[in-house]
Amino acid sequence: MTDNDFKGMQENKKLLQLEEYIKAGKIAAEVREMIREKNWIGKTVYEICEEVEGEIRKRGAKCAFPVNTSINEIAAHYTAEPNDPITITDSDLVKIDLGAQINGYIADTAVTVCYDAQYDGMVQAAEEALSNAMLMIKGGVKASDIGRTIETTIKQMGYKPIANLSGHSLEQYTIHAGRSIPNIWSIGGFSLSENTAYACEPFVTTRDGGGFVRNGKIKNIFALNSRKKTKDEEADKLLDYIWENFNMLPFALRWITKEWEEKKARGILEYLVSKKAVQAYPVLIEVNEQRVAQAEHTFIPNENGVTVTTET
């Protein structure tokens, strides 16, 4: 194989990856806008997660992670338990964070659903910060400068950014690929690489918020850490099932109760977490228990600007 042949193969691979990122982004954006327009009052979080995940699959993608339905002071990482009875009321602020993937190439996007007018400004601050961040992006832009833009926008609108939550780089079958897009200005940091996928997700809280999140006790999102066998037949069977169906991407208990009875599945998962074969992610709660809003896009910088894969 000549150098030109190898370069040609690499270029073709990049084009195919870009196509799959864009396809996943189009699907995620369509579903996000459906979420934005729908009235979810009276629906349980289980019904929301199942419906949103079904819409992703219906459009020809797989879920990149369980749909997050994080309510009020919970900023992120809450997904429905099997038959979860928590019900949305007209005073709730609900972050619905979803991911679609095509062959492991991910689109990650989120919208905050709000039916109480007193929180509309906070939702708008998250959306405005995201929009302003997207306007400045191209290859070589510093992540710290994106954080400055997000922080400035949110503060000018009278709210606080969540300092210890950030966006992230994406790779095939990897939702957090090692690089962070901050929501505040920070010293140093890296410059955005062209043709690399990132998610940008401003989180906003009230003036009375601490501007940070802490880990909660609930852990209902999981991901594979290791495929090393445990010598427990049922646990090893579940490990294989996780790898074959979700690869290294996050999953929910709901997703495995089609194959295992709920109580048994929960017990095996707890065993796998204790063996460090599976990781459990805690919910993230605003430290002063103030409400939180979120907005999110996936984007790919290039020489002249940016492709926002989840833009409508």
Protein backbone atom coordinates (compact mmCIF):
# COMPACT_ATOMS: atom_id res chain seq x y z
CA MET A 1 0.00 0.00 0.00
CA THR A 2 1.36 3.41 -0.96
CA ASP A 3 1.30 6.50 1.25
CA ASN A 4 -1.37 7.97 -1.00
CA ASP A 5 -3.50 4.84 -0.64
CA PHE A 6 -3.20 5.02 3.15
CA LYS A 7 -4.05 8.74 3.19
CA GLY A 8 -7.04 8.05 0.96
CA MET A 9 -8.30 5.36 3.33
CA GLN A 10 -7.90 7.68 6.30
CA GLU A 11 -9.80 10.47 4.52
CA ASN A 12 -12.61 8.07 3.60
CA LYS A 13 -12.79 6.90 7.22
CA LYS A 14 -13.04 10.50 8.46
CA LEU A 15 -15.81 11.26 5.97
CA LEU A 16 -17.75 8.17 7.05
CA GLN A 17 -17.34 9.13 10.71
CA LEU A 18 -18.55 12.67 9.97
CA GLU A 19 -21.58 11.30 8.10
CA GLU A 20 -22.47 9.08 11.06
CA TYR A 21 -21.99 11.91 13.57
CA ILE A 22 -24.27 14.11 11.44
CA LYS A 23 -26.90 11.38 11.03
CA ALA A 24 -26.94 10.74 14.79
CA GLY A 25 -27.14 14.50 15.38
CA LYS A 26 -30.14 14.92 13.07
CA ILE A 27 -32.02 12.18 14.91
CA ALA A 28 -31.12 13.55 18.35
CA ALA A 29 -32.19 17.07 17.31
CA GLU A 30 -35.55 15.86 16.00
CA VAL A 31 -36.27 14.02 19.23
CA ARG A 32 -35.12 16.98 21.37
CA GLU A 33 -37.50 19.32 19.56
CA MET A 34 -40.34 16.82 20.01
CA ILE A 35 -39.56 16.86 23.75
CA ARG A 36 -39.52 20.67 23.81
CA GLU A 37 -42.99 20.94 22.27
CA LYS A 38 -44.74 18.18 24.22
CA ASN A 39 -46.68 18.63 27.46
CA TRP A 40 -45.17 16.18 29.96
CA ILE A 41 -47.23 17.24 32.99
CA GLY A 42 -48.75 14.14 34.59
CA LYS A 43 -46.30 11.78 32.87
CA THR A 44 -43.98 9.60 34.93
CA VAL A 45 -40.24 9.72 34.36
CA TYR A 46 -40.49 6.07 33.29
CA GLU A 47 -42.97 7.00 30.56
CA ILE A 48 -40.73 9.88 29.42
CA CYS A 49 -37.58 7.77 29.23
CA GLU A 50 -39.29 4.91 27.43
CA GLU A 51 -40.99 7.23 24.93
CA VAL A 52 -37.87 9.28 24.18
CA GLU A 53 -35.66 6.21 23.82
CA GLY A 54 -38.30 4.66 21.57
CA GLU A 55 -38.29 7.77 19.34
CA ILE A 56 -34.49 7.51 18.95
CA ARG A 57 -34.73 3.84 17.95
CA LYS A 58 -37.69 4.48 15.65
CA ARG A 59 -35.55 6.90 13.64
CA GLY A 60 -32.81 4.33 13.08
CA ALA A 61 -30.27 5.09 15.83
CA LYS A 62 -29.40 3.42 19.11
CA CYS A 63 -29.39 5.17 22.47
CA ALA A 64 -25.93 6.40 23.44
CA PHE A 65 -26.97 6.40 27.11
CA PRO A 66 -30.19 6.18 29.12
CA VAL A 67 -32.32 9.29 28.79
CA ASN A 68 -31.74 11.52 31.83
CA THR A 69 -34.81 13.10 33.43
CA SER A 70 -33.26 15.26 36.13
CA ILE A 71 -35.82 17.28 38.07
CA ASN A 72 -35.34 20.64 39.85
CA GLU A 73 -32.17 20.59 42.03
CA ILE A 74 -30.96 17.35 40.44
CA ALA A 75 -28.66 18.61 37.69
CA ALA A 76 -27.85 15.35 35.92
CA HIS A 77 -27.63 11.55 35.91
CA TYR A 78 -31.16 10.60 36.96
CA THR A 79 -32.80 8.04 34.72
CA ALA A 80 -36.00 6.14 35.41
CA GLU A 81 -36.02 2.99 37.48
CA PRO A 82 -38.22 0.18 36.11
CA ASN A 83 -41.81 1.48 36.34
CA ASP A 84 -40.56 4.61 38.14
CA PRO A 85 -43.63 6.42 39.59
CA ILE A 86 -42.12 9.94 39.89
CA THR A 87 -44.53 12.22 38.04
CA ILE A 88 -43.92 15.62 36.42
CA THR A 89 -45.92 18.52 37.88
CA ASP A 90 -46.55 22.01 36.53
CA SER A 91 -43.96 23.48 38.90
CA ASP A 92 -41.06 21.18 37.92
CA LEU A 93 -37.95 22.13 35.97
CA VAL A 94 -36.93 19.01 34.02
CA LYS A 95 -33.63 18.51 32.23
CA ILE A 96 -34.11 15.88 29.51
CA ASP A 97 -30.69 14.81 28.25
CA LEU A 98 -30.56 12.30 25.40
CA GLY A 99 -27.99 10.64 23.20
CA ALA A 100 -28.23 8.92 19.83
CA GLN A 101 -25.47 6.83 18.28
CA ILE A 102 -24.78 5.35 14.86
CA ASN A 103 -22.05 2.69 14.99
CA GLY A 104 -20.82 4.27 18.21
CA TYR A 105 -20.64 7.85 16.85
CA ILE A 106 -22.58 9.92 19.32
CA ALA A 107 -24.88 12.94 19.36
CA ASP A 108 -25.48 14.30 22.86
CA THR A 109 -28.10 17.00 23.39
CA ALA A 110 -30.41 18.31 26.09
CA VAL A 111 -33.36 20.58 26.69
CA THR A 112 -34.93 21.94 29.87
CA VAL A 113 -38.71 21.62 30.01
CA CYS A 114 -40.37 24.28 32.16
CA TYR A 115 -44.04 25.05 32.79
CA ASP A 116 -43.52 27.63 35.56
CA ALA A 117 -42.89 31.13 34.16
CA GLN A 118 -40.68 32.18 37.08
CA TYR A 119 -37.95 29.82 35.77
CA ASP A 120 -38.19 30.80 32.09
CA GLY A 121 -35.27 33.22 32.46
CA MET A 122 -32.99 30.50 33.79
CA VAL A 123 -33.89 28.20 30.90
CA GLN A 124 -33.24 31.08 28.48
CA ALA A 125 -29.84 31.74 30.10
CA ALA A 126 -28.76 28.15 29.42
CA GLU A 127 -29.94 28.36 25.80
CA GLU A 128 -28.33 31.78 25.26
CA ALA A 129 -25.00 30.64 26.74
CA LEU A 130 -25.02 27.61 24.45
CA SER A 131 -25.86 29.72 21.40
CA ASN A 132 -23.10 32.24 22.14
CA ALA A 133 -20.59 29.41 22.62
CA MET A 134 -21.49 27.88 19.26
CA LEU A 135 -21.00 31.25 17.51
CA MET A 136 -17.33 31.46 18.54
CA ILE A 137 -16.24 27.90 17.77
CA LYS A 138 -13.75 26.83 15.13
CA GLY A 139 -10.60 24.76 15.14
CA GLY A 140 -7.96 26.18 17.49
CA VAL A 141 -10.32 28.06 19.80
CA LYS A 142 -9.40 27.59 23.46
CA ALA A 143 -11.83 25.65 25.64
CA SER A 144 -11.17 28.20 28.40
CA ASP A 145 -12.46 30.98 26.13
CA ILE A 146 -15.66 29.01 25.53
CA GLY A 147 -16.02 28.75 29.31
CA ARG A 148 -15.55 32.51 29.61
CA THR A 149 -18.32 33.14 27.06
CA ILE A 150 -20.69 30.74 28.85
CA GLU A 151 -19.96 32.23 32.29
CA THR A 152 -20.29 35.84 31.08
CA THR A 153 -23.59 35.18 29.32
CA ILE A 154 -25.13 33.43 32.33
CA LYS A 155 -23.99 36.07 34.85
CA GLN A 156 -25.15 38.95 32.66
CA MET A 157 -28.61 37.39 32.70
CA GLY A 158 -28.62 37.27 36.51
CA TYR A 159 -27.82 33.62 37.16
CA LYS A 160 -24.87 31.39 38.10
CA PRO A 161 -23.08 28.74 36.01
CA ILE A 162 -22.38 25.35 37.58
CA ALA A 163 -18.59 25.42 37.85
CA ASN A 164 -17.90 21.71 38.32
CA LEU A 165 -20.01 20.47 35.42
CA SER A 166 -18.64 20.66 31.89
CA GLY A 167 -18.98 19.54 28.32
CA HIS A 168 -16.71 16.86 26.97
CA SER A 169 -14.99 15.36 23.95
CA LEU A 170 -16.61 12.37 22.26
CA GLU A 171 -15.12 9.33 20.57
CA GLN A 172 -16.56 6.14 19.12
CA TYR A 173 -18.44 4.33 21.92
CA THR A 174 -16.98 6.81 24.45
CA ILE A 175 -19.23 9.51 25.86
CA HIS A 176 -16.54 11.25 27.97
CA ALA A 177 -13.33 11.01 25.98
CA GLY A 178 -10.92 12.91 28.20
CA ARG A 179 -11.29 16.59 27.25
CA SER A 180 -13.59 19.03 29.10
CA ILE A 181 -15.43 22.11 27.80
CA PRO A 182 -15.80 24.25 30.95
CA ASN A 183 -18.79 26.37 31.90
CA ILE A 184 -16.58 29.00 33.54
CA TRP A 185 -13.36 30.73 32.57
CA SER A 186 -10.24 28.83 33.67
CA ILE A 187 -6.50 29.35 33.26
CA GLY A 188 -4.76 27.35 30.53
CA GLY A 189 -6.68 24.55 28.91
CA PHE A 190 -6.51 23.00 25.47
CA SER A 191 -7.42 24.22 22.00
CA LEU A 192 -10.20 22.55 20.02
CA SER A 193 -9.01 20.07 17.41
CA GLU A 194 -10.54 20.11 13.95
CA ASN A 195 -12.74 17.15 12.99
CA THR A 196 -13.11 16.07 16.62
CA ALA A 197 -16.54 15.81 18.25
CA TYR A 198 -17.38 17.64 21.47
CA ALA A 199 -20.46 18.29 23.57
CA CYS A 200 -21.04 21.72 25.09
CA GLU A 201 -23.59 21.86 27.93
CA PRO A 202 -24.07 24.97 30.05
CA PHE A 203 -25.73 24.32 33.43
CA VAL A 204 -27.38 27.28 35.15
CA THR A 205 -28.67 27.81 38.67
CA THR A 206 -30.22 30.66 40.63
CA ARG A 207 -28.40 33.52 42.39
CA ASP A 208 -28.95 31.62 45.64
CA GLY A 209 -27.31 28.51 44.24
CA GLY A 210 -23.79 27.52 45.26
CA GLY A 211 -22.79 27.09 41.63
CA PHE A 212 -21.52 23.55 42.23
CA VAL A 213 -22.98 20.05 42.34
CA ARG A 214 -22.42 17.20 44.79
CA ASN A 215 -22.96 13.47 44.45
CA GLY A 216 -26.34 12.17 45.57
CA LYS A 217 -27.10 8.74 47.01
CA ILE A 218 -29.05 7.44 44.01
CA LYS A 219 -27.05 5.54 41.37
CA ASN A 220 -29.13 4.23 38.49
CA ILE A 221 -26.88 4.72 35.46
CA PHE A 222 -24.12 2.17 34.88
CA ALA A 223 -21.27 1.45 32.45
CA LEU A 224 -18.86 -1.39 31.85
CA ASN A 225 -15.41 -1.00 33.40
CA SER A 226 -13.88 -4.36 32.62
CA ARG A 227 -14.72 -7.54 30.70
CA LYS A 228 -12.60 -9.64 33.06
CA LYS A 229 -14.56 -12.70 34.18
CA THR A 230 -15.78 -12.86 37.79
CA LYS A 231 -16.13 -16.68 37.94
CA ASP A 232 -19.81 -16.20 38.76
CA GLU A 233 -21.75 -17.71 35.84
CA GLU A 234 -24.75 -15.37 35.96
CA ALA A 235 -22.60 -12.28 36.48
CA ASP A 236 -20.34 -13.24 33.58
CA LYS A 237 -23.39 -13.81 31.40
CA LEU A 238 -24.57 -10.27 32.20
CA LEU A 239 -21.09 -8.88 31.47
CA ASP A 240 -21.23 -10.44 28.02
CA TYR A 241 -24.74 -9.09 27.48
CA ILE A 242 -23.65 -5.56 28.44
CA TRP A 243 -20.66 -5.68 26.07
CA GLU A 244 -22.67 -7.07 23.15
CA ASN A 245 -25.53 -4.58 23.55
CA PHE A 246 -24.00 -1.38 24.97
CA ASN A 247 -20.23 -1.70 24.47
CA MET A 248 -18.59 0.84 26.84
CA LEU A 249 -21.59 3.20 26.76
CA PRO A 250 -23.82 3.82 29.80
CA PHE A 251 -26.95 1.74 30.38
CA ALA A 252 -29.86 1.50 32.82
CA LEU A 253 -31.36 -1.30 34.87
CA ARG A 254 -34.48 -0.87 32.72
CA TRP A 255 -32.49 -2.04 29.72
CA ILE A 256 -31.60 -5.44 31.19
CA THR A 257 -34.91 -6.38 32.85
CA LYS A 258 -36.11 -7.69 29.49
CA GLU A 259 -33.63 -10.55 29.94
CA TRP A 260 -33.38 -10.77 33.75
CA GLU A 261 -36.09 -10.42 36.38
CA GLU A 262 -35.72 -7.02 38.08
CA LYS A 263 -34.73 -8.17 41.57
CA LYS A 264 -32.18 -10.62 40.18
CA ALA A 265 -30.78 -8.06 37.72
CA ARG A 266 -30.38 -5.52 40.51
CA GLY A 267 -28.52 -8.06 42.64
CA ILE A 268 -26.15 -9.06 39.84
CA LEU A 269 -25.45 -5.41 39.02
CA GLU A 270 -24.62 -4.69 42.66
CA TYR A 271 -22.23 -7.65 42.62
CA LEU A 272 -20.55 -6.41 39.41
CA VAL A 273 -20.19 -2.92 40.90
CA SER A 274 -18.58 -4.42 44.03
CA LYS A 275 -16.13 -6.28 41.77
CA LYS A 276 -15.43 -3.00 39.89
CA ALA A 277 -16.45 -4.67 36.62
CA VAL A 278 -19.27 -2.12 36.32
CA GLN A 279 -19.29 1.55 37.35
CA ALA A 280 -22.35 3.22 38.90
CA TYR A 281 -22.87 6.96 38.38
CA PRO A 282 -24.46 8.98 41.21
CA VAL A 283 -27.04 11.66 40.53
CA LEU A 284 -25.60 15.19 40.75
CA ILE A 285 -27.38 17.67 43.01
CA GLU A 286 -26.91 21.45 43.28
CA VAL A 287 -25.11 22.04 46.60
CA ASN A 288 -27.69 24.55 47.89
CA GLU A 289 -30.52 22.47 46.42
CA GLN A 290 -31.43 25.26 44.03
CA ARG A 291 -33.00 24.51 40.68
CA VAL A 292 -30.83 23.88 37.63
CA ALA A 293 -31.42 24.36 33.88
CA GLN A 294 -29.35 22.85 31.05
CA ALA A 295 -28.93 23.14 27.29
CA GLU A 296 -26.60 21.08 25.11
CA HIS A 297 -25.30 20.60 21.57
CA THR A 298 -22.77 18.30 19.96
CA PHE A 299 -20.36 20.04 17.56
CA ILE A 300 -17.35 19.35 15.34
CA PRO A 301 -14.94 22.26 14.73
CA ASN A 302 -13.32 22.79 11.35
CA GLU A 303 -10.93 25.29 9.81
CA ASN A 304 -13.62 27.83 8.96
CA GLY A 305 -16.12 27.32 11.74
CA VAL A 306 -18.18 24.53 13.18
CA THR A 307 -20.68 21.81 12.31
CA VAL A 308 -23.28 21.68 15.08
CA THR A 309 -24.59 18.17 14.53
CA THR A 310 -27.60 18.62 16.86
CA GLU A 311 -28.77 21.94 15.41
CA THR A 312 -32.18 21.99 13.71
